[in-house]
Amino acid sequence: MPGSVTDTTTDKLGGKSHLDLLGMRFILEGRNLIKTVTDIDELLYK
C-alpha cells in the first residue's frame, strides 16, 4: 500500500506542471472571453 501511495503522489507531482499550464491557459482564455463579452455588452448598451 505505501508503494502505491508514493506512486500516485509521484504521478501527481510529475503531471502537476502540465496540469498547471493547462489550468493557467484556461483561466487566461476565460478572462479574455469574459472581457470580450463585457466589452461587447458595453458597446451594445451605450
Protein backbone atom coordinates (compact mmCIF):
# COMPACT_ATOMS: atom_id res chain seq x y z
CA MET A 1 0.00 0.00 0.00
CA PRO A 2 2.70 2.59 0.88
CA GLY A 3 4.31 1.94 -2.51
CA SER A 4 1.10 2.69 -4.40
CA VAL A 5 0.51 5.85 -2.37
CA THR A 6 4.03 7.02 -3.24
CA ASP A 7 3.38 6.18 -6.89
CA THR A 8 0.21 8.27 -7.04
CA THR A 9 1.98 11.14 -5.28
CA THR A 10 4.81 10.93 -7.80
CA ASP A 11 2.30 10.86 -10.66
CA LYS A 12 0.54 13.94 -9.29
CA LEU A 13 3.83 15.79 -8.88
CA GLY A 14 5.02 14.67 -12.30
CA GLY A 15 1.81 15.73 -14.04
CA LYS A 16 1.33 18.86 -11.95
CA SER A 17 3.29 21.23 -14.19
CA HIS A 18 1.34 20.13 -17.27
CA LEU A 19 -1.99 20.46 -15.46
CA ASP A 20 -0.98 23.84 -14.04
CA LEU A 21 -0.09 25.09 -17.52
CA LEU A 22 -3.44 23.91 -18.87
CA GLY A 23 -5.21 25.48 -15.91
CA MET A 24 -3.41 28.80 -16.33
CA ARG A 25 -4.14 28.84 -20.06
CA PHE A 26 -7.79 28.02 -19.40
CA ILE A 27 -8.05 30.78 -16.77
CA LEU A 28 -6.35 33.34 -19.03
CA GLU A 29 -8.53 32.44 -22.01
CA GLY A 30 -11.60 32.52 -19.77
CA ARG A 31 -10.69 36.01 -18.56
CA ASN A 32 -10.17 37.19 -22.13
CA LEU A 33 -13.54 35.71 -23.10
CA ILE A 34 -15.27 37.43 -20.17
CA LYS A 35 -13.52 40.71 -21.04
CA THR A 36 -14.63 40.41 -24.67
CA VAL A 37 -18.23 39.69 -23.65
CA THR A 38 -18.14 42.64 -21.25
CA ASP A 39 -16.75 44.91 -23.99
CA ILE A 40 -19.50 43.80 -26.39
CA ASP A 41 -22.14 44.39 -23.72
CA GLU A 42 -20.79 47.90 -23.12
CA LEU A 43 -20.86 48.62 -26.86
CA LEU A 44 -24.41 47.32 -27.20
CA TYR A 45 -25.79 49.25 -24.24
CA LYS A 46 -24.03 52.57 -24.86
